[in-house]
Amino acid sequence: MNRVLVVNASPRGDRSHTRRLAEAFINAYTSAHPDVQVTRREVGRAFIPHVNEAFVAAAFYPEPASRPLSMQADLALSDELVDELFAHDLLVIAAPMYNFSIPSALKAWIDQVIRVGRTFDLLLDNGVAHYQPLVHGKKALIITSRGGQGFGPGGEFAAMNHAEPLLRATLGFMGIDDVQVVAAEGEESDPQVFRASFAAVERELVALAQAR
């Protein structure tokens, strides 16, 4: 089964550029692959709790198989999100760049799915920590929009783009190294430039969907 998980991280609804671009990709993908199963996980317009003390205590409980029921409850949503990630072949993250990084709701989702013993292992060798990714055989597509221009590789403001490196590092830490990024730029500058950028990204996504 060909399965795609779409994580929508924009707080906007119909006005969200990343949502519309993600839907353009999904529409083209389902047309090219009628057997695809698509799951949409709402992050930007739903409450994903941030990590708290109870979560940390439960996640690092020394005997995971015998966690108390209260700790199992503290990890219930995290387990659901991790299971959801494992159940899909392609992860599509649709998220705008906010203040040079990602929306806090997406960071909350990341903190829920990066789990020792679930998406990575922590191995100690003479007191030295080694991390082993546990998520294998998956690909990721990051669809983003940026208010300004020049935040892409080689751009004038590329050094200020902390969103893409953070997502690549996060996904790679879990074992997802096959990551592609497409970005529309210029929403807050020249409307004509942004319309052209949006249209170009939309065409690129359709081509990607048909080629996969």
C-alpha atoms as a PDB file:
ATOM      1  CA  MET A   1       0.000   0.000   0.000  1.00  0.00           C
ATOM      2  CA  ASN A   2       1.271   3.451  -0.953  1.00  0.00           C
ATOM      3  CA  ARG A   3       0.646   5.709   2.055  1.00  0.00           C
ATOM      4  CA  VAL A   4       1.182   9.450   2.452  1.00  0.00           C
ATOM      5  CA  LEU A   5       1.044  11.387   5.720  1.00  0.00           C
ATOM      6  CA  VAL A   6       0.439  15.135   5.359  1.00  0.00           C
ATOM      7  CA  VAL A   7       1.287  17.261   8.405  1.00  0.00           C
ATOM      8  CA  ASN A   8      -0.303  20.700   8.055  1.00  0.00           C
ATOM      9  CA  ALA A   9       1.392  23.224  10.320  1.00  0.00           C
ATOM     10  CA  SER A  10      -0.075  26.551   9.227  1.00  0.00           C
ATOM     11  CA  PRO A  11      -2.505  28.279  11.622  1.00  0.00           C
ATOM     12  CA  ARG A  12      -4.329  29.592   8.567  1.00  0.00           C
ATOM     13  CA  GLY A  13      -7.212  27.760   6.972  1.00  0.00           C
ATOM     14  CA  ASP A  14      -8.200  28.444   3.385  1.00  0.00           C
ATOM     15  CA  ARG A  15      -5.757  31.373   3.264  1.00  0.00           C
ATOM     16  CA  SER A  16      -2.787  29.088   3.895  1.00  0.00           C
ATOM     17  CA  HIS A  17      -0.416  28.904   0.943  1.00  0.00           C
ATOM     18  CA  THR A  18       1.256  25.730   2.199  1.00  0.00           C
ATOM     19  CA  ARG A  19      -2.086  23.952   2.576  1.00  0.00           C
ATOM     20  CA  ARG A  20      -3.063  24.815  -0.977  1.00  0.00           C
ATOM     21  CA  LEU A  21       0.291  23.685  -2.309  1.00  0.00           C
ATOM     22  CA  ALA A  22       0.102  20.444  -0.335  1.00  0.00           C
ATOM     23  CA  GLU A  23      -3.357  19.776  -1.751  1.00  0.00           C
ATOM     24  CA  ALA A  24      -2.074  20.435  -5.272  1.00  0.00           C
ATOM     25  CA  PHE A  25       0.571  17.774  -4.687  1.00  0.00           C
ATOM     26  CA  ILE A  26      -1.910  15.314  -3.163  1.00  0.00           C
ATOM     27  CA  ASN A  27      -4.440  15.813  -5.945  1.00  0.00           C
ATOM     28  CA  ALA A  28      -1.774  15.129  -8.566  1.00  0.00           C
ATOM     29  CA  TYR A  29      -0.404  12.198  -6.568  1.00  0.00           C
ATOM     30  CA  THR A  30      -3.791  10.509  -6.151  1.00  0.00           C
ATOM     31  CA  SER A  31      -4.498  10.997  -9.856  1.00  0.00           C
ATOM     32  CA  ALA A  32      -1.207   9.305 -10.754  1.00  0.00           C
ATOM     33  CA  HIS A  33      -1.510   6.638  -8.024  1.00  0.00           C
ATOM     34  CA  PRO A  34      -5.186   5.739  -7.452  1.00  0.00           C
ATOM     35  CA  ASP A  35      -4.297   3.197  -4.746  1.00  0.00           C
ATOM     36  CA  VAL A  36      -2.679   5.799  -2.494  1.00  0.00           C
ATOM     37  CA  GLN A  37      -3.896   6.180   1.082  1.00  0.00           C
ATOM     38  CA  VAL A  38      -3.654   9.749   2.379  1.00  0.00           C
ATOM     39  CA  THR A  39      -3.775  10.760   6.044  1.00  0.00           C
ATOM     40  CA  ARG A  40      -3.938  14.414   7.059  1.00  0.00           C
ATOM     41  CA  ARG A  41      -2.615  15.297  10.489  1.00  0.00           C
ATOM     42  CA  GLU A  42      -3.676  18.755  11.632  1.00  0.00           C
ATOM     43  CA  VAL A  43      -1.022  20.543  13.665  1.00  0.00           C
ATOM     44  CA  GLY A  44      -1.383  24.257  12.969  1.00  0.00           C
ATOM     45  CA  ARG A  45      -5.089  24.456  13.812  1.00  0.00           C
ATOM     46  CA  ALA A  46      -5.195  21.757  16.484  1.00  0.00           C
ATOM     47  CA  PHE A  47      -3.651  21.593  19.929  1.00  0.00           C
ATOM     48  CA  ILE A  48      -0.480  19.514  20.091  1.00  0.00           C
ATOM     49  CA  PRO A  49       0.760  19.761  23.692  1.00  0.00           C
ATOM     50  CA  HIS A  50       4.305  20.818  24.343  1.00  0.00           C
ATOM     51  CA  VAL A  51       6.577  18.477  26.247  1.00  0.00           C
ATOM     52  CA  ASN A  52       6.239  18.788  30.007  1.00  0.00           C
ATOM     53  CA  GLU A  53       7.811  17.146  33.052  1.00  0.00           C
ATOM     54  CA  ALA A  54       5.351  14.233  33.066  1.00  0.00           C
ATOM     55  CA  PHE A  55       6.114  13.485  29.410  1.00  0.00           C
ATOM     56  CA  VAL A  56       9.872  13.455  30.038  1.00  0.00           C
ATOM     57  CA  ALA A  57       9.536  11.191  33.077  1.00  0.00           C
ATOM     58  CA  ALA A  58       7.378   8.736  31.136  1.00  0.00           C
ATOM     59  CA  ALA A  59       9.510   8.779  27.981  1.00  0.00           C
ATOM     60  CA  PHE A  60      12.693   8.027  29.934  1.00  0.00           C
ATOM     61  CA  TYR A  61      11.158   5.529  32.348  1.00  0.00           C
ATOM     62  CA  PRO A  62      13.842   2.855  32.813  1.00  0.00           C
ATOM     63  CA  GLU A  63      11.486  -0.085  32.120  1.00  0.00           C
ATOM     64  CA  PRO A  64       9.243   0.979  29.212  1.00  0.00           C
ATOM     65  CA  ALA A  65       7.347  -2.328  29.182  1.00  0.00           C
ATOM     66  CA  SER A  66       6.182  -1.773  32.762  1.00  0.00           C
ATOM     67  CA  ARG A  67       5.275   1.918  32.713  1.00  0.00           C
ATOM     68  CA  PRO A  68       2.516   2.786  35.200  1.00  0.00           C
ATOM     69  CA  LEU A  69      -0.875   3.475  33.619  1.00  0.00           C
ATOM     70  CA  SER A  70      -0.539   7.171  34.398  1.00  0.00           C
ATOM     71  CA  MET A  71       2.698   7.337  32.391  1.00  0.00           C
ATOM     72  CA  GLN A  72       1.134   5.406  29.538  1.00  0.00           C
ATOM     73  CA  ALA A  73      -1.570   8.062  29.453  1.00  0.00           C
ATOM     74  CA  ASP A  74       1.062  10.802  29.367  1.00  0.00           C
ATOM     75  CA  LEU A  75       2.511   9.207  26.225  1.00  0.00           C
ATOM     76  CA  ALA A  76      -0.758   8.221  24.538  1.00  0.00           C
ATOM     77  CA  LEU A  77      -0.776  11.029  21.969  1.00  0.00           C
ATOM     78  CA  SER A  78       2.945  10.628  21.319  1.00  0.00           C
ATOM     79  CA  ASP A  79       2.456   6.899  20.691  1.00  0.00           C
ATOM     80  CA  GLU A  80      -0.397   7.685  18.296  1.00  0.00           C
ATOM     81  CA  LEU A  81       1.730  10.170  16.349  1.00  0.00           C
ATOM     82  CA  VAL A  82       4.742   7.858  16.226  1.00  0.00           C
ATOM     83  CA  ASP A  83       2.606   4.905  15.075  1.00  0.00           C
ATOM     84  CA  GLU A  84       1.103   7.170  12.414  1.00  0.00           C
ATOM     85  CA  LEU A  85       4.554   8.137  11.171  1.00  0.00           C
ATOM     86  CA  PHE A  86       5.653   4.499  10.933  1.00  0.00           C
ATOM     87  CA  ALA A  87       2.477   3.540   9.062  1.00  0.00           C
ATOM     88  CA  HIS A  88       3.219   5.804   6.078  1.00  0.00           C
ATOM     89  CA  ASP A  89       5.798   5.731   3.306  1.00  0.00           C
ATOM     90  CA  LEU A  90       5.955   9.426   2.425  1.00  0.00           C
ATOM     91  CA  LEU A  91       5.831  12.278   4.938  1.00  0.00           C
ATOM     92  CA  VAL A  92       4.687  15.640   3.585  1.00  0.00           C
ATOM     93  CA  ILE A  93       5.258  18.580   5.931  1.00  0.00           C
ATOM     94  CA  ALA A  94       3.406  21.719   4.850  1.00  0.00           C
ATOM     95  CA  ALA A  95       4.637  24.619   6.967  1.00  0.00           C
ATOM     96  CA  PRO A  96       5.368  28.322   6.517  1.00  0.00           C
ATOM     97  CA  MET A  97       8.617  29.809   7.761  1.00  0.00           C
ATOM     98  CA  TYR A  98       7.884  31.928  10.842  1.00  0.00           C
ATOM     99  CA  ASN A  99      10.521  34.318  12.169  1.00  0.00           C
ATOM    100  CA  PHE A 100      13.297  32.378  10.426  1.00  0.00           C
ATOM    101  CA  SER A 101      12.164  28.998  11.798  1.00  0.00           C
ATOM    102  CA  ILE A 102       9.098  26.759  12.001  1.00  0.00           C
ATOM    103  CA  PRO A 103       5.716  27.362  13.687  1.00  0.00           C
ATOM    104  CA  SER A 104       5.733  26.360  17.355  1.00  0.00           C
ATOM    105  CA  ALA A 105       2.918  23.871  16.686  1.00  0.00           C
ATOM    106  CA  LEU A 106       5.185  21.943  14.331  1.00  0.00           C
ATOM    107  CA  LYS A 107       7.949  21.982  16.934  1.00  0.00           C
ATOM    108  CA  ALA A 108       5.456  20.489  19.398  1.00  0.00           C
ATOM    109  CA  TRP A 109       4.719  17.677  16.916  1.00  0.00           C
ATOM    110  CA  ILE A 110       8.450  17.073  16.463  1.00  0.00           C
ATOM    111  CA  ASP A 111       8.956  16.822  20.218  1.00  0.00           C
ATOM    112  CA  GLN A 112       6.131  14.276  20.415  1.00  0.00           C
ATOM    113  CA  VAL A 113       7.562  12.001  17.711  1.00  0.00           C
ATOM    114  CA  ILE A 114      11.267  12.102  18.596  1.00  0.00           C
ATOM    115  CA  ARG A 115      11.177   9.415  21.256  1.00  0.00           C
ATOM    116  CA  VAL A 116      13.944   7.308  22.704  1.00  0.00           C
ATOM    117  CA  GLY A 117      13.186   3.662  22.062  1.00  0.00           C
ATOM    118  CA  ARG A 118      10.623   4.522  19.401  1.00  0.00           C
ATOM    119  CA  THR A 119      12.156   6.711  16.686  1.00  0.00           C
ATOM    120  CA  PHE A 120      15.768   6.600  17.925  1.00  0.00           C
ATOM    121  CA  ASP A 121      17.866   4.587  20.326  1.00  0.00           C
ATOM    122  CA  LEU A 122      20.380   5.925  22.809  1.00  0.00           C
ATOM    123  CA  LEU A 123      23.385   3.644  23.203  1.00  0.00           C
ATOM    124  CA  LEU A 124      26.120   4.211  25.767  1.00  0.00           C
ATOM    125  CA  ASP A 125      29.697   3.114  25.111  1.00  0.00           C
ATOM    126  CA  ASN A 126      31.965   3.797  28.093  1.00  0.00           C
ATOM    127  CA  GLY A 127      29.765   6.718  29.025  1.00  0.00           C
ATOM    128  CA  VAL A 128      29.715   8.144  25.492  1.00  0.00           C
ATOM    129  CA  ALA A 129      26.273   8.504  23.946  1.00  0.00           C
ATOM    130  CA  HIS A 130      25.608   7.173  20.453  1.00  0.00           C
ATOM    131  CA  TYR A 131      22.330   7.771  18.688  1.00  0.00           C
ATOM    132  CA  GLN A 132      20.795   5.199  16.370  1.00  0.00           C
ATOM    133  CA  PRO A 133      17.881   6.136  14.082  1.00  0.00           C
ATOM    134  CA  LEU A 134      14.923   3.749  14.038  1.00  0.00           C
ATOM    135  CA  VAL A 135      12.794   5.144  11.206  1.00  0.00           C
ATOM    136  CA  HIS A 136      13.849   3.551   7.924  1.00  0.00           C
ATOM    137  CA  GLY A 137      12.709   3.356   4.325  1.00  0.00           C
ATOM    138  CA  LYS A 138      10.728   6.583   4.298  1.00  0.00           C
ATOM    139  CA  LYS A 139      10.903   9.788   2.297  1.00  0.00           C
ATOM    140  CA  ALA A 140       9.915  13.338   3.177  1.00  0.00           C
ATOM    141  CA  LEU A 141       8.725  16.329   1.208  1.00  0.00           C
ATOM    142  CA  ILE A 142       8.765  19.753   2.853  1.00  0.00           C
ATOM    143  CA  ILE A 143       6.436  22.330   1.327  1.00  0.00           C
ATOM    144  CA  THR A 144       7.032  25.804   2.666  1.00  0.00           C
ATOM    145  CA  SER A 145       6.335  29.468   2.009  1.00  0.00           C
ATOM    146  CA  ARG A 146       8.438  32.444   3.036  1.00  0.00           C
ATOM    147  CA  GLY A 147       7.358  36.034   3.382  1.00  0.00           C
ATOM    148  CA  GLY A 148      10.594  37.432   2.014  1.00  0.00           C
ATOM    149  CA  GLN A 149      12.936  36.415  -0.759  1.00  0.00           C
ATOM    150  CA  GLY A 150      16.466  35.043  -0.833  1.00  0.00           C
ATOM    151  CA  PHE A 151      16.136  32.498   1.988  1.00  0.00           C
ATOM    152  CA  GLY A 152      16.905  29.506  -0.222  1.00  0.00           C
ATOM    153  CA  PRO A 153      20.357  27.968  -0.800  1.00  0.00           C
ATOM    154  CA  GLY A 154      22.745  30.620  -2.126  1.00  0.00           C
ATOM    155  CA  GLY A 155      20.259  33.402  -1.397  1.00  0.00           C
ATOM    156  CA  GLU A 156      21.051  36.686   0.300  1.00  0.00           C
ATOM    157  CA  PHE A 157      19.342  35.595   3.537  1.00  0.00           C
ATOM    158  CA  ALA A 158      20.075  31.871   3.397  1.00  0.00           C
ATOM    159  CA  ALA A 159      21.996  32.037   6.684  1.00  0.00           C
ATOM    160  CA  MET A 160      18.827  33.263   8.412  1.00  0.00           C
ATOM    161  CA  ASN A 161      16.781  30.296   7.254  1.00  0.00           C
ATOM    162  CA  HIS A 162      16.725  28.018  10.302  1.00  0.00           C
ATOM    163  CA  ALA A 163      13.535  26.206   9.296  1.00  0.00           C
ATOM    164  CA  GLU A 164      14.944  23.950   6.584  1.00  0.00           C
ATOM    165  CA  PRO A 165      18.124  22.911   8.469  1.00  0.00           C
ATOM    166  CA  LEU A 166      16.066  22.176  11.585  1.00  0.00           C
ATOM    167  CA  LEU A 167      13.641  19.944   9.692  1.00  0.00           C
ATOM    168  CA  ARG A 168      16.410  18.151   7.805  1.00  0.00           C
ATOM    169  CA  ALA A 169      18.317  17.541  11.051  1.00  0.00           C
ATOM    170  CA  THR A 170      15.193  16.362  12.854  1.00  0.00           C
ATOM    171  CA  LEU A 171      14.154  13.958  10.131  1.00  0.00           C
ATOM    172  CA  GLY A 172      17.701  12.695   9.636  1.00  0.00           C
ATOM    173  CA  PHE A 173      18.081  12.059  13.361  1.00  0.00           C
ATOM    174  CA  MET A 174      15.160   9.634  13.142  1.00  0.00           C
ATOM    175  CA  GLY A 175      16.485   8.073   9.936  1.00  0.00           C
ATOM    176  CA  ILE A 176      14.642   9.955   7.180  1.00  0.00           C
ATOM    177  CA  ASP A 177      17.479  11.207   4.978  1.00  0.00           C
ATOM    178  CA  ASP A 178      15.651  11.366   1.643  1.00  0.00           C
ATOM    179  CA  VAL A 179      14.229  14.885   2.051  1.00  0.00           C
ATOM    180  CA  GLN A 180      13.155  17.301  -0.679  1.00  0.00           C
ATOM    181  CA  VAL A 181      12.222  20.944  -0.084  1.00  0.00           C
ATOM    182  CA  VAL A 182      10.090  23.182  -2.292  1.00  0.00           C
ATOM    183  CA  ALA A 183       9.495  26.797  -1.314  1.00  0.00           C
ATOM    184  CA  ALA A 184       7.403  29.721  -2.496  1.00  0.00           C
ATOM    185  CA  GLU A 185       8.892  33.116  -1.614  1.00  0.00           C
ATOM    186  CA  GLY A 186       7.922  36.766  -1.567  1.00  0.00           C
ATOM    187  CA  GLU A 187       4.435  36.845  -0.061  1.00  0.00           C
ATOM    188  CA  GLU A 188       5.192  39.983   1.937  1.00  0.00           C
ATOM    189  CA  SER A 189       7.116  41.808  -0.789  1.00  0.00           C
ATOM    190  CA  ASP A 190       5.933  41.865  -4.388  1.00  0.00           C
ATOM    191  CA  PRO A 191       2.521  40.203  -5.003  1.00  0.00           C
ATOM    192  CA  GLN A 192       3.385  39.583  -8.633  1.00  0.00           C
ATOM    193  CA  VAL A 193       6.662  37.907  -7.694  1.00  0.00           C
ATOM    194  CA  PHE A 194       4.883  35.722  -5.160  1.00  0.00           C
ATOM    195  CA  ARG A 195       2.184  34.681  -7.607  1.00  0.00           C
ATOM    196  CA  ALA A 196       4.890  33.625 -10.048  1.00  0.00           C
ATOM    197  CA  SER A 197       6.789  31.775  -7.309  1.00  0.00           C
ATOM    198  CA  PHE A 198       3.624  30.037  -6.097  1.00  0.00           C
ATOM    199  CA  ALA A 199       2.704  28.957  -9.623  1.00  0.00           C
ATOM    200  CA  ALA A 200       6.219  27.628 -10.253  1.00  0.00           C
ATOM    201  CA  VAL A 201       6.152  25.605  -7.019  1.00  0.00           C
ATOM    202  CA  GLU A 202       2.708  24.264  -7.872  1.00  0.00           C
ATOM    203  CA  ARG A 203       4.003  23.036 -11.234  1.00  0.00           C
ATOM    204  CA  GLU A 204       7.036  21.491  -9.569  1.00  0.00           C
ATOM    205  CA  LEU A 205       4.850  19.643  -7.074  1.00  0.00           C
ATOM    206  CA  VAL A 206       2.592  18.274  -9.788  1.00  0.00           C
ATOM    207  CA  ALA A 207       5.654  17.061 -11.679  1.00  0.00           C
ATOM    208  CA  LEU A 208       7.039  15.462  -8.519  1.00  0.00           C
ATOM    209  CA  ALA A 209       3.741  13.708  -7.853  1.00  0.00           C
ATOM    210  CA  GLN A 210       3.576  12.305 -11.340  1.00  0.00           C
ATOM    211  CA  ALA A 211       7.205  11.175 -11.279  1.00  0.00           C
ATOM    212  CA  ARG A 212       7.081   9.322  -7.942  1.00  0.00           C
END
